[in-house]
C-alpha atoms as a PDB file:
ATOM      1  CA  UNK A   1      14.641  -2.919  -7.043  1.00  0.00           C
ATOM      2  CA  UNK A   2      15.862   0.527  -5.033  1.00  0.00           C
ATOM      3  CA  UNK A   3      12.671   2.510  -3.898  1.00  0.00           C
ATOM      4  CA  UNK A   4      11.744   5.316  -5.938  1.00  0.00           C
ATOM      5  CA  UNK A   5      12.150   8.773  -4.299  1.00  0.00           C
ATOM      6  CA  UNK A   6       9.673  11.468  -4.940  1.00  0.00           C
ATOM      7  CA  UNK A   7      10.358  14.840  -4.177  1.00  0.00           C
ATOM      8  CA  UNK A   8       8.676  16.932  -2.140  1.00  0.00           C
ATOM      9  CA  UNK A   9       6.105  19.439  -3.475  1.00  0.00           C
ATOM     10  CA  UNK A  10       5.741  22.973  -2.165  1.00  0.00           C
ATOM     11  CA  UNK A  11       2.658  24.471  -0.825  1.00  0.00           C
ATOM     12  CA  UNK A  12       2.189  26.161  -4.432  1.00  0.00           C
ATOM     13  CA  UNK A  13       2.392  22.872  -6.472  1.00  0.00           C
ATOM     14  CA  UNK A  14       0.108  21.005  -3.853  1.00  0.00           C
ATOM     15  CA  UNK A  15      -2.784  24.039  -4.271  1.00  0.00           C
ATOM     16  CA  UNK A  16      -2.081  23.829  -8.096  1.00  0.00           C
ATOM     17  CA  UNK A  17      -2.337  20.229  -8.042  1.00  0.00           C
ATOM     18  CA  UNK A  18      -5.840  20.640  -6.516  1.00  0.00           C
ATOM     19  CA  UNK A  19      -7.067  22.949  -8.006  1.00  0.00           C
ATOM     20  CA  UNK A  20      -6.404  20.821 -11.311  1.00  0.00           C
ATOM     21  CA  UNK A  21      -8.352  17.993  -9.595  1.00  0.00           C
ATOM     22  CA  UNK A  22     -11.058  20.357  -9.092  1.00  0.00           C
ATOM     23  CA  UNK A  23     -11.165  21.635 -12.731  1.00  0.00           C
ATOM     24  CA  UNK A  24     -10.900  17.927 -14.248  1.00  0.00           C
ATOM     25  CA  UNK A  25     -14.050  16.508 -11.874  1.00  0.00           C
ATOM     26  CA  UNK A  26     -16.107  19.397 -13.065  1.00  0.00           C
ATOM     27  CA  UNK A  27     -16.076  17.873 -16.520  1.00  0.00           C
ATOM     28  CA  UNK A  28     -16.657  14.295 -15.388  1.00  0.00           C
ATOM     29  CA  UNK A  29     -20.155  12.442 -14.976  1.00  0.00           C
ATOM     30  CA  UNK A  30     -18.849  10.711 -11.896  1.00  0.00           C
ATOM     31  CA  UNK A  31     -16.040   9.834  -9.840  1.00  0.00           C
ATOM     32  CA  UNK A  32     -13.535   6.575 -11.767  1.00  0.00           C
ATOM     33  CA  UNK A  33     -13.141   3.642 -10.083  1.00  0.00           C
ATOM     34  CA  UNK A  34      -9.398   4.667  -9.010  1.00  0.00           C
ATOM     35  CA  UNK A  35     -10.908   8.322  -7.246  1.00  0.00           C
ATOM     36  CA  UNK A  36     -13.265   6.304  -5.668  1.00  0.00           C
ATOM     37  CA  UNK A  37     -10.813   4.234  -4.186  1.00  0.00           C
ATOM     38  CA  UNK A  38      -8.483   6.734  -2.937  1.00  0.00           C
ATOM     39  CA  UNK A  39     -11.582   8.585  -1.422  1.00  0.00           C
ATOM     40  CA  UNK A  40     -12.633   5.496   0.506  1.00  0.00           C
ATOM     41  CA  UNK A  41      -9.145   4.931   1.839  1.00  0.00           C
ATOM     42  CA  UNK A  42      -8.709   8.620   2.870  1.00  0.00           C
ATOM     43  CA  UNK A  43     -11.560   8.073   5.172  1.00  0.00           C
ATOM     44  CA  UNK A  44     -10.256   4.955   6.344  1.00  0.00           C
ATOM     45  CA  UNK A  45      -7.216   6.253   7.044  1.00  0.00           C
ATOM     46  CA  UNK A  46      -9.470   9.069   9.072  1.00  0.00           C
ATOM     47  CA  UNK A  47     -11.124   6.106  10.812  1.00  0.00           C
ATOM     48  CA  UNK A  48      -7.977   4.121  12.178  1.00  0.00           C
ATOM     49  CA  UNK A  49      -5.510   4.445  14.776  1.00  0.00           C
ATOM     50  CA  UNK A  50      -2.048   4.611  12.660  1.00  0.00           C
ATOM     51  CA  UNK A  51       1.252   3.655  13.807  1.00  0.00           C
ATOM     52  CA  UNK A  52       3.583   4.800  10.837  1.00  0.00           C
ATOM     53  CA  UNK A  53       5.063   8.391  10.872  1.00  0.00           C
ATOM     54  CA  UNK A  54       3.770   9.239   6.940  1.00  0.00           C
ATOM     55  CA  UNK A  55      -0.033   8.088   7.865  1.00  0.00           C
ATOM     56  CA  UNK A  56      -0.331  10.117  11.212  1.00  0.00           C
ATOM     57  CA  UNK A  57       0.989  13.303   8.906  1.00  0.00           C
ATOM     58  CA  UNK A  58      -1.544  12.678   6.311  1.00  0.00           C
ATOM     59  CA  UNK A  59      -4.325  11.788   9.344  1.00  0.00           C
ATOM     60  CA  UNK A  60      -3.683  15.440  11.121  1.00  0.00           C
ATOM     61  CA  UNK A  61      -3.313  17.149   7.826  1.00  0.00           C
ATOM     62  CA  UNK A  62      -6.804  15.641   6.780  1.00  0.00           C
ATOM     63  CA  UNK A  63      -8.715  15.778  10.510  1.00  0.00           C
ATOM     64  CA  UNK A  64      -7.411  20.038   9.968  1.00  0.00           C
ATOM     65  CA  UNK A  65      -9.600  20.277   6.731  1.00  0.00           C
ATOM     66  CA  UNK A  66     -12.326  18.381   7.887  1.00  0.00           C
ATOM     67  CA  UNK A  67     -12.612  20.004  10.980  1.00  0.00           C
ATOM     68  CA  UNK A  68     -12.674  23.537   9.181  1.00  0.00           C
ATOM     69  CA  UNK A  69     -15.704  25.598   9.523  1.00  0.00           C
ATOM     70  CA  UNK A  70     -15.934  26.419   5.800  1.00  0.00           C
ATOM     71  CA  UNK A  71     -18.165  23.690   5.493  1.00  0.00           C
ATOM     72  CA  UNK A  72     -16.305  22.394   2.934  1.00  0.00           C
ATOM     73  CA  UNK A  73     -14.244  20.112   4.511  1.00  0.00           C
ATOM     74  CA  UNK A  74     -15.616  16.866   3.033  1.00  0.00           C
ATOM     75  CA  UNK A  75     -14.961  18.319  -0.754  1.00  0.00           C
ATOM     76  CA  UNK A  76     -11.451  19.511   0.552  1.00  0.00           C
ATOM     77  CA  UNK A  77     -10.440  15.560   1.901  1.00  0.00           C
ATOM     78  CA  UNK A  78     -11.999  14.436  -1.425  1.00  0.00           C
ATOM     79  CA  UNK A  79      -9.822  16.372  -3.735  1.00  0.00           C
ATOM     80  CA  UNK A  80      -6.470  16.581  -1.627  1.00  0.00           C
ATOM     81  CA  UNK A  81      -7.271  12.210  -1.329  1.00  0.00           C
ATOM     82  CA  UNK A  82      -6.937  12.548  -5.328  1.00  0.00           C
ATOM     83  CA  UNK A  83      -4.836  14.932  -6.610  1.00  0.00           C
ATOM     84  CA  UNK A  84      -2.167  14.523  -3.659  1.00  0.00           C
ATOM     85  CA  UNK A  85      -2.653  11.321  -1.863  1.00  0.00           C
ATOM     86  CA  UNK A  86      -0.725  10.230   1.214  1.00  0.00           C
ATOM     87  CA  UNK A  87       2.826  10.283   0.202  1.00  0.00           C
ATOM     88  CA  UNK A  88       3.014  13.561  -1.313  1.00  0.00           C
ATOM     89  CA  UNK A  89       1.025  15.443   2.025  1.00  0.00           C
ATOM     90  CA  UNK A  90       3.709  13.030   3.711  1.00  0.00           C
ATOM     91  CA  UNK A  91       6.517  14.235   2.270  1.00  0.00           C
ATOM     92  CA  UNK A  92       5.579  17.596   2.360  1.00  0.00           C
ATOM     93  CA  UNK A  93       8.350  19.707   5.326  1.00  0.00           C
ATOM     94  CA  UNK A  94       5.427  21.197   8.152  1.00  0.00           C
ATOM     95  CA  UNK A  95       5.892  24.579   6.647  1.00  0.00           C
ATOM     96  CA  UNK A  96       4.708  23.565   3.068  1.00  0.00           C
ATOM     97  CA  UNK A  97       1.855  21.129   4.762  1.00  0.00           C
ATOM     98  CA  UNK A  98       1.133  24.639   7.353  1.00  0.00           C
ATOM     99  CA  UNK A  99       0.847  26.625   4.372  1.00  0.00           C
ATOM    100  CA  UNK A 100      -1.311  24.518   2.106  1.00  0.00           C
ATOM    101  CA  UNK A 101      -3.518  24.096   4.851  1.00  0.00           C
ATOM    102  CA  UNK A 102      -4.014  27.397   5.060  1.00  0.00           C
ATOM    103  CA  UNK A 103      -4.597  28.083   1.517  1.00  0.00           C
ATOM    104  CA  UNK A 104      -6.932  25.664   0.844  1.00  0.00           C
ATOM    105  CA  UNK A 105      -9.116  26.957   3.999  1.00  0.00           C
ATOM    106  CA  UNK A 106      -8.485  30.704   3.009  1.00  0.00           C
ATOM    107  CA  UNK A 107      -9.487  29.759  -0.477  1.00  0.00           C
ATOM    108  CA  UNK A 108     -12.390  27.336   0.304  1.00  0.00           C
ATOM    109  CA  UNK A 109     -15.298  29.315  -1.582  1.00  0.00           C
ATOM    110  CA  UNK A 110     -13.041  27.786  -4.686  1.00  0.00           C
ATOM    111  CA  UNK A 111     -13.509  24.701  -4.070  1.00  0.00           C
ATOM    112  CA  UNK A 112     -17.338  24.835  -3.189  1.00  0.00           C
ATOM    113  CA  UNK A 113     -19.273  23.727  -6.537  1.00  0.00           C
ATOM    114  CA  UNK A 114     -22.568  21.876  -6.594  1.00  0.00           C
ATOM    115  CA  UNK A 115     -20.722  18.994  -8.282  1.00  0.00           C
ATOM    116  CA  UNK A 116     -17.853  18.915  -6.787  1.00  0.00           C
ATOM    117  CA  UNK A 117     -20.249  18.975  -3.529  1.00  0.00           C
ATOM    118  CA  UNK A 118     -22.211  15.717  -4.947  1.00  0.00           C
ATOM    119  CA  UNK A 119     -19.271  13.947  -5.507  1.00  0.00           C
ATOM    120  CA  UNK A 120     -17.983  13.714  -1.883  1.00  0.00           C
ATOM    121  CA  UNK A 121     -21.594  13.356  -0.656  1.00  0.00           C
ATOM    122  CA  UNK A 122     -22.123  10.320  -2.943  1.00  0.00           C
ATOM    123  CA  UNK A 123     -18.962   8.659  -0.242  1.00  0.00           C
ATOM    124  CA  UNK A 124     -21.371   9.217   2.597  1.00  0.00           C
ATOM    125  CA  UNK A 125     -23.538   6.897   3.486  1.00  0.00           C
ATOM    126  CA  UNK A 126     -27.209   7.342   2.612  1.00  0.00           C
ATOM    127  CA  UNK A 127     -29.284   7.042   6.134  1.00  0.00           C
ATOM    128  CA  UNK A 128     -28.004   6.174   9.959  1.00  0.00           C
ATOM    129  CA  UNK A 129     -29.937   3.392   9.605  1.00  0.00           C
ATOM    130  CA  UNK A 130     -27.770   1.594   6.761  1.00  0.00           C
ATOM    131  CA  UNK A 131     -24.887   1.932   9.475  1.00  0.00           C
ATOM    132  CA  UNK A 132     -24.555  -0.719  11.596  1.00  0.00           C
ATOM    133  CA  UNK A 133     -21.858  -0.676  14.031  1.00  0.00           C
ATOM    134  CA  UNK A 134     -20.834  -2.754  17.117  1.00  0.00           C
ATOM    135  CA  UNK A 135     -20.861  -0.902  20.766  1.00  0.00           C
ATOM    136  CA  UNK A 136     -17.016   0.009  20.272  1.00  0.00           C
ATOM    137  CA  UNK A 137     -16.973   0.802  16.796  1.00  0.00           C
ATOM    138  CA  UNK A 138     -15.976  -2.560  16.033  1.00  0.00           C
ATOM    139  CA  UNK A 139     -16.646  -3.677  12.085  1.00  0.00           C
ATOM    140  CA  UNK A 140     -18.894  -7.358  11.862  1.00  0.00           C
ATOM    141  CA  UNK A 141     -16.513  -8.488   9.197  1.00  0.00           C
ATOM    142  CA  UNK A 142     -19.555 -11.095   8.387  1.00  0.00           C
ATOM    143  CA  UNK A 143     -21.724  -8.334   7.140  1.00  0.00           C
ATOM    144  CA  UNK A 144     -19.359  -6.388   5.103  1.00  0.00           C
ATOM    145  CA  UNK A 145     -18.718  -9.564   3.066  1.00  0.00           C
ATOM    146  CA  UNK A 146     -21.980 -10.444   2.390  1.00  0.00           C
ATOM    147  CA  UNK A 147     -23.116  -6.591   1.665  1.00  0.00           C
ATOM    148  CA  UNK A 148     -20.101  -5.531  -0.287  1.00  0.00           C
ATOM    149  CA  UNK A 149     -17.896  -2.566  -0.292  1.00  0.00           C
ATOM    150  CA  UNK A 150     -20.801   0.142  -0.351  1.00  0.00           C
ATOM    151  CA  UNK A 151     -21.583  -1.329   3.465  1.00  0.00           C
ATOM    152  CA  UNK A 152     -18.317  -1.062   4.514  1.00  0.00           C
ATOM    153  CA  UNK A 153     -17.792   2.396   3.334  1.00  0.00           C
ATOM    154  CA  UNK A 154     -21.303   3.177   5.137  1.00  0.00           C
ATOM    155  CA  UNK A 155     -19.607   1.742   8.166  1.00  0.00           C
ATOM    156  CA  UNK A 156     -16.617   3.150   8.396  1.00  0.00           C
ATOM    157  CA  UNK A 157     -18.072   6.524   7.529  1.00  0.00           C
ATOM    158  CA  UNK A 158     -20.669   6.198  10.286  1.00  0.00           C
ATOM    159  CA  UNK A 159     -16.997   5.815  12.439  1.00  0.00           C
ATOM    160  CA  UNK A 160     -15.540   8.587  10.748  1.00  0.00           C
ATOM    161  CA  UNK A 161     -19.165  11.261  11.551  1.00  0.00           C
ATOM    162  CA  UNK A 162     -18.594   9.534  15.291  1.00  0.00           C
ATOM    163  CA  UNK A 163     -14.744  10.409  15.706  1.00  0.00           C
ATOM    164  CA  UNK A 164     -15.290  14.189  13.870  1.00  0.00           C
ATOM    165  CA  UNK A 165     -17.495  15.217  16.801  1.00  0.00           C
ATOM    166  CA  UNK A 166     -14.401  15.453  19.050  1.00  0.00           C
ATOM    167  CA  UNK A 167     -12.521  17.504  16.938  1.00  0.00           C
ATOM    168  CA  UNK A 168     -13.007  21.236  17.822  1.00  0.00           C
ATOM    169  CA  UNK A 169     -13.509  23.535  14.780  1.00  0.00           C
ATOM    170  CA  UNK A 170     -12.322  26.763  14.416  1.00  0.00           C
ATOM    171  CA  UNK A 171     -14.110  29.759  12.767  1.00  0.00           C
ATOM    172  CA  UNK A 172     -10.776  31.319  10.949  1.00  0.00           C
ATOM    173  CA  UNK A 173      -7.735  30.352   9.376  1.00  0.00           C
ATOM    174  CA  UNK A 174      -5.263  28.817  11.543  1.00  0.00           C
ATOM    175  CA  UNK A 175      -2.645  30.902  12.032  1.00  0.00           C
ATOM    176  CA  UNK A 176      -0.055  27.737  12.746  1.00  0.00           C
ATOM    177  CA  UNK A 177      -0.472  24.015  12.600  1.00  0.00           C
ATOM    178  CA  UNK A 178       2.132  21.926  13.846  1.00  0.00           C
ATOM    179  CA  UNK A 179       2.725  18.421  12.531  1.00  0.00           C
ATOM    180  CA  UNK A 180       4.800  15.967  13.951  1.00  0.00           C
ATOM    181  CA  UNK A 181       8.425  15.774  11.773  1.00  0.00           C
END
């Protein structure tokens, strides 16, 4: 069977998908399992070094969202993970990704909702003591297997926060963002 080709979204279509996702999530009591898995997988992408071009494009886009000084970066990452995913973001051309990023950051206040903030915060570790990371960021797989998926999420997010401190934050909407072709 031939791989299914996906038509690239433009920035306005992608932004509409994010808005629709935000609107839908505001009516839910909690994230559904597939949504939770998408968010967890997205944070894992942010924490790992990527070899594939599509993952690199997606990771750069997510890093730009997280490093925004708007205070809603984690909400935007959650919404983009659920509504767009890696395939849509990576298949967009550079101009569309840059425009989407600018629009999301410009309209960040629209997505700053207490319920969305709660959903995004639920993906974070409860405390630093619960995150056990080896000195060089290696995950102790025996601990993960015995303590379950939530422990892995805590470990991955702890590594994400450590890596996040390395990124520069900006207080204004980026004028031009460059992504690999």
